[in-house]
Amino acid sequence: MAKGAVEALTRSLAAELAPKIRVNCIAPSLTRTPLAAKLLSNPQMADAIAAMHALPRLGEAEDIAPMVALLAGPQSGWITGQVIAVDGGRSTLRTKG
């Protein structure tokens, strides 16, 4: 429910604040961060979650950072109201497992 609310807020703010301000959001899958450390401390759990992705590994902060840089820069000047998945294909591709 919270993810749906963030997506709706992104689109609503993009419509309200355009053309002066662009609003987008990045939707990552599980990423190795201090917040996820407790969940990922179990190697079997980490492996099982990684296998759920079309690119079968967990995300790293370095996987998300280039999208942040793109959206913050002038190259994305015509992008607004988007929810961009940076998730190893998990949200859109079906894995064989």
N, C-alpha and C. Protein backbone atom coordinates (compact mmCIF):
# COMPACT_ATOMS: atom_id res chain seq x y z
N MET A 1 0.82 -1.17 0.00
CA MET A 1 0.00 0.00 0.00
C MET A 1 0.88 1.25 0.00
N ALA A 2 1.96 1.23 0.77
CA ALA A 2 2.83 2.40 0.85
C ALA A 2 3.49 2.68 -0.50
N LYS A 3 3.90 1.62 -1.20
CA LYS A 3 4.53 1.81 -2.52
C LYS A 3 3.54 2.43 -3.50
N GLY A 4 2.29 2.00 -3.44
CA GLY A 4 1.26 2.57 -4.30
C GLY A 4 1.04 4.04 -3.98
N ALA A 5 1.10 4.38 -2.71
CA ALA A 5 0.92 5.78 -2.31
C ALA A 5 2.08 6.65 -2.82
N VAL A 6 3.30 6.13 -2.75
CA VAL A 6 4.45 6.89 -3.25
C VAL A 6 4.34 7.10 -4.75
N GLU A 7 3.91 6.06 -5.48
CA GLU A 7 3.73 6.18 -6.92
C GLU A 7 2.66 7.22 -7.26
N ALA A 8 1.55 7.19 -6.54
CA ALA A 8 0.48 8.16 -6.78
C ALA A 8 0.93 9.57 -6.43
N LEU A 9 1.65 9.72 -5.34
CA LEU A 9 2.17 11.02 -4.95
C LEU A 9 3.13 11.56 -6.00
N THR A 10 3.98 10.70 -6.54
CA THR A 10 4.92 11.10 -7.59
C THR A 10 4.18 11.66 -8.79
N ARG A 11 3.18 10.94 -9.24
CA ARG A 11 2.43 11.39 -10.42
C ARG A 11 1.63 12.66 -10.14
N SER A 12 1.05 12.73 -8.96
CA SER A 12 0.26 13.91 -8.60
C SER A 12 1.14 15.15 -8.50
N LEU A 13 2.27 15.04 -7.83
CA LEU A 13 3.17 16.18 -7.71
C LEU A 13 3.76 16.58 -9.06
N ALA A 14 4.06 15.59 -9.90
CA ALA A 14 4.59 15.90 -11.23
C ALA A 14 3.59 16.73 -12.02
N ALA A 15 2.32 16.38 -11.94
CA ALA A 15 1.29 17.12 -12.66
C ALA A 15 1.11 18.52 -12.07
N GLU A 16 1.14 18.60 -10.75
CA GLU A 16 0.91 19.87 -10.08
C GLU A 16 2.07 20.85 -10.23
N LEU A 17 3.29 20.35 -10.23
CA LEU A 17 4.46 21.23 -10.20
C LEU A 17 5.08 21.51 -11.56
N ALA A 18 4.63 20.78 -12.58
CA ALA A 18 5.16 21.02 -13.93
C ALA A 18 4.73 22.40 -14.39
N PRO A 19 5.48 23.10 -15.17
CA PRO A 19 6.74 22.71 -15.80
C PRO A 19 7.98 23.13 -15.02
N LYS A 20 7.80 23.78 -13.87
CA LYS A 20 8.96 24.29 -13.15
C LYS A 20 9.76 23.20 -12.44
N ILE A 21 9.07 22.19 -11.95
CA ILE A 21 9.73 21.14 -11.17
C ILE A 21 9.34 19.79 -11.75
N ARG A 22 10.34 18.93 -11.94
CA ARG A 22 10.10 17.56 -12.39
C ARG A 22 10.09 16.66 -11.17
N VAL A 23 9.18 15.69 -11.13
CA VAL A 23 9.08 14.76 -10.01
C VAL A 23 9.05 13.35 -10.56
N ASN A 24 9.98 12.53 -10.13
CA ASN A 24 10.08 11.12 -10.50
C ASN A 24 10.43 10.34 -9.26
N CYS A 25 10.27 9.03 -9.31
CA CYS A 25 10.76 8.21 -8.20
C CYS A 25 11.42 6.95 -8.75
N ILE A 26 12.33 6.44 -7.97
CA ILE A 26 13.03 5.21 -8.30
C ILE A 26 12.49 4.13 -7.38
N ALA A 27 12.15 2.99 -7.98
CA ALA A 27 11.61 1.86 -7.22
C ALA A 27 12.62 0.71 -7.27
N PRO A 28 13.52 0.65 -6.30
CA PRO A 28 14.50 -0.43 -6.30
C PRO A 28 13.93 -1.69 -5.67
N SER A 29 14.51 -2.81 -6.03
CA SER A 29 14.21 -4.05 -5.31
C SER A 29 15.12 -4.08 -4.09
N LEU A 30 15.12 -5.21 -3.41
CA LEU A 30 15.95 -5.32 -2.21
C LEU A 30 17.40 -5.03 -2.55
N THR A 31 17.98 -4.11 -1.82
CA THR A 31 19.33 -3.63 -2.07
C THR A 31 20.16 -3.79 -0.81
N ARG A 32 21.41 -4.17 -0.97
CA ARG A 32 22.29 -4.32 0.19
C ARG A 32 22.58 -2.95 0.79
N THR A 33 21.88 -2.67 1.86
CA THR A 33 22.06 -1.43 2.61
C THR A 33 22.00 -1.76 4.09
N PRO A 34 22.39 -0.84 4.96
CA PRO A 34 22.27 -1.11 6.39
C PRO A 34 20.83 -1.46 6.80
N LEU A 35 19.85 -0.87 6.13
CA LEU A 35 18.45 -1.16 6.45
C LEU A 35 18.10 -2.62 6.18
N ALA A 36 18.68 -3.22 5.15
CA ALA A 36 18.39 -4.60 4.77
C ALA A 36 19.34 -5.61 5.41
N ALA A 37 20.31 -5.15 6.16
CA ALA A 37 21.37 -6.02 6.68
C ALA A 37 20.83 -7.18 7.52
N LYS A 38 19.85 -6.93 8.35
CA LYS A 38 19.32 -7.99 9.21
C LYS A 38 18.68 -9.10 8.37
N LEU A 39 17.90 -8.72 7.38
CA LEU A 39 17.26 -9.69 6.51
C LEU A 39 18.30 -10.47 5.70
N LEU A 40 19.32 -9.79 5.24
CA LEU A 40 20.32 -10.41 4.38
C LEU A 40 21.43 -11.12 5.15
N SER A 41 21.39 -11.06 6.47
CA SER A 41 22.42 -11.73 7.26
C SER A 41 22.28 -13.25 7.18
N ASN A 42 21.14 -13.74 6.78
CA ASN A 42 20.93 -15.17 6.58
C ASN A 42 21.28 -15.48 5.12
N PRO A 43 22.37 -16.20 4.86
CA PRO A 43 22.80 -16.45 3.49
C PRO A 43 21.75 -17.18 2.64
N GLN A 44 21.02 -18.10 3.23
CA GLN A 44 19.99 -18.82 2.47
C GLN A 44 18.87 -17.88 2.05
N MET A 45 18.49 -17.00 2.95
CA MET A 45 17.44 -16.02 2.64
C MET A 45 17.93 -15.08 1.54
N ALA A 46 19.15 -14.59 1.66
CA ALA A 46 19.70 -13.69 0.65
C ALA A 46 19.76 -14.37 -0.71
N ASP A 47 20.18 -15.63 -0.75
CA ASP A 47 20.25 -16.37 -2.02
C ASP A 47 18.86 -16.57 -2.62
N ALA A 48 17.89 -16.88 -1.78
CA ALA A 48 16.52 -17.09 -2.26
C ALA A 48 15.93 -15.81 -2.84
N ILE A 49 16.18 -14.71 -2.19
CA ILE A 49 15.67 -13.43 -2.70
C ILE A 49 16.38 -13.06 -3.99
N ALA A 50 17.67 -13.25 -4.04
CA ALA A 50 18.43 -12.95 -5.26
C ALA A 50 17.90 -13.76 -6.44
N ALA A 51 17.53 -15.01 -6.20
CA ALA A 51 17.04 -15.89 -7.27
C ALA A 51 15.69 -15.44 -7.82
N MET A 52 14.98 -14.57 -7.12
CA MET A 52 13.69 -14.08 -7.60
C MET A 52 13.82 -13.03 -8.70
N HIS A 53 15.04 -12.59 -8.98
CA HIS A 53 15.29 -11.54 -9.96
C HIS A 53 15.74 -12.15 -11.29
N ALA A 54 15.34 -11.54 -12.39
CA ALA A 54 15.79 -12.01 -13.70
C ALA A 54 17.32 -11.92 -13.79
N LEU A 55 17.88 -10.89 -13.19
CA LEU A 55 19.34 -10.79 -13.02
C LEU A 55 19.58 -11.26 -11.59
N PRO A 56 19.92 -12.54 -11.41
CA PRO A 56 19.82 -13.20 -10.10
C PRO A 56 20.88 -12.78 -9.09
N ARG A 57 20.73 -11.58 -8.61
CA ARG A 57 21.57 -11.09 -7.52
C ARG A 57 20.82 -9.97 -6.81
N LEU A 58 21.31 -9.61 -5.66
CA LEU A 58 20.72 -8.48 -4.94
C LEU A 58 21.32 -7.19 -5.45
N GLY A 59 20.57 -6.13 -5.33
CA GLY A 59 21.06 -4.83 -5.76
C GLY A 59 22.08 -4.26 -4.80
N GLU A 60 22.87 -3.37 -5.33
CA GLU A 60 23.86 -2.62 -4.56
C GLU A 60 23.54 -1.14 -4.74
N ALA A 61 23.98 -0.31 -3.82
CA ALA A 61 23.76 1.13 -3.95
C ALA A 61 24.31 1.64 -5.29
N GLU A 62 25.41 1.04 -5.74
CA GLU A 62 26.03 1.44 -7.00
C GLU A 62 25.14 1.14 -8.21
N ASP A 63 24.16 0.26 -8.04
CA ASP A 63 23.20 -0.02 -9.12
C ASP A 63 22.15 1.07 -9.23
N ILE A 64 21.84 1.71 -8.13
CA ILE A 64 20.79 2.73 -8.07
C ILE A 64 21.36 4.12 -8.40
N ALA A 65 22.57 4.37 -7.98
CA ALA A 65 23.16 5.71 -8.10
C ALA A 65 23.16 6.28 -9.52
N PRO A 66 23.46 5.50 -10.57
CA PRO A 66 23.43 6.10 -11.91
C PRO A 66 22.05 6.63 -12.31
N MET A 67 20.99 5.97 -11.86
CA MET A 67 19.65 6.47 -12.19
C MET A 67 19.37 7.77 -11.44
N VAL A 68 19.83 7.84 -10.20
CA VAL A 68 19.68 9.09 -9.44
C VAL A 68 20.41 10.22 -10.16
N ALA A 69 21.64 9.95 -10.60
CA ALA A 69 22.42 10.97 -11.30
C ALA A 69 21.74 11.39 -12.59
N LEU A 70 21.21 10.43 -13.32
CA LEU A 70 20.50 10.75 -14.57
C LEU A 70 19.31 11.66 -14.30
N LEU A 71 18.48 11.28 -13.34
CA LEU A 71 17.27 12.06 -13.06
C LEU A 71 17.58 13.44 -12.50
N ALA A 72 18.71 13.59 -11.84
CA ALA A 72 19.08 14.89 -11.27
C ALA A 72 19.75 15.79 -12.30
N GLY A 73 20.16 15.23 -13.42
CA GLY A 73 20.91 15.99 -14.41
C GLY A 73 20.06 16.50 -15.56
N PRO A 74 20.69 17.27 -16.42
CA PRO A 74 19.98 17.88 -17.54
C PRO A 74 19.54 16.88 -18.61
N GLN A 75 20.14 15.70 -18.64
CA GLN A 75 19.76 14.69 -19.64
C GLN A 75 18.32 14.22 -19.47
N SER A 76 17.76 14.41 -18.29
CA SER A 76 16.39 13.95 -18.04
C SER A 76 15.39 15.09 -18.05
N GLY A 77 15.70 16.15 -18.74
CA GLY A 77 14.87 17.35 -18.73
C GLY A 77 13.45 17.16 -19.24
N TRP A 78 13.17 16.05 -19.91
CA TRP A 78 11.82 15.80 -20.42
C TRP A 78 11.21 14.56 -19.78
N ILE A 79 11.68 14.23 -18.59
CA ILE A 79 11.15 13.08 -17.85
C ILE A 79 10.51 13.60 -16.57
N THR A 80 9.24 13.33 -16.40
CA THR A 80 8.55 13.69 -15.17
C THR A 80 7.35 12.75 -14.98
N GLY A 81 6.99 12.53 -13.72
CA GLY A 81 5.85 11.69 -13.40
C GLY A 81 6.11 10.20 -13.57
N GLN A 82 7.37 9.80 -13.57
CA GLN A 82 7.72 8.40 -13.83
C GLN A 82 8.12 7.67 -12.56
N VAL A 83 7.74 6.42 -12.50
CA VAL A 83 8.20 5.50 -11.47
C VAL A 83 9.13 4.53 -12.19
N ILE A 84 10.41 4.62 -11.90
CA ILE A 84 11.42 3.87 -12.64
C ILE A 84 11.94 2.73 -11.77
N ALA A 85 11.70 1.51 -12.23
CA ALA A 85 12.15 0.34 -11.49
C ALA A 85 13.63 0.08 -11.80
N VAL A 86 14.41 0.00 -10.76
CA VAL A 86 15.81 -0.42 -10.86
C VAL A 86 15.89 -1.64 -9.95
N ASP A 87 15.50 -2.78 -10.54
CA ASP A 87 15.22 -3.94 -9.69
C ASP A 87 15.65 -5.28 -10.28
N GLY A 88 16.62 -5.27 -11.16
CA GLY A 88 17.10 -6.52 -11.73
C GLY A 88 16.04 -7.28 -12.51
N GLY A 89 15.00 -6.59 -12.94
CA GLY A 89 13.94 -7.21 -13.71
C GLY A 89 12.84 -7.85 -12.89
N ARG A 90 12.93 -7.76 -11.58
CA ARG A 90 11.97 -8.47 -10.72
C ARG A 90 10.53 -8.03 -10.95
N SER A 91 10.28 -6.75 -11.17
CA SER A 91 8.90 -6.28 -11.26
C SER A 91 8.25 -6.56 -12.61
N THR A 92 9.04 -6.85 -13.63
CA THR A 92 8.46 -6.99 -14.96
C THR A 92 8.79 -8.28 -15.69
N LEU A 93 9.81 -8.98 -15.24
CA LEU A 93 10.22 -10.21 -15.94
C LEU A 93 9.99 -11.42 -15.06
N ARG A 94 9.50 -12.46 -15.67
CA ARG A 94 9.26 -13.69 -14.93
C ARG A 94 10.52 -14.54 -14.96
N THR A 95 10.92 -15.03 -13.80
CA THR A 95 12.11 -15.88 -13.74
C THR A 95 11.72 -17.33 -13.98
N LYS A 96 12.68 -18.13 -14.32
CA LYS A 96 12.44 -19.55 -14.64
C LYS A 96 12.23 -20.39 -13.40
N GLY A 97 12.59 -19.88 -12.24
CA GLY A 97 12.53 -20.65 -11.01
C GLY A 97 11.23 -20.78 -10.43
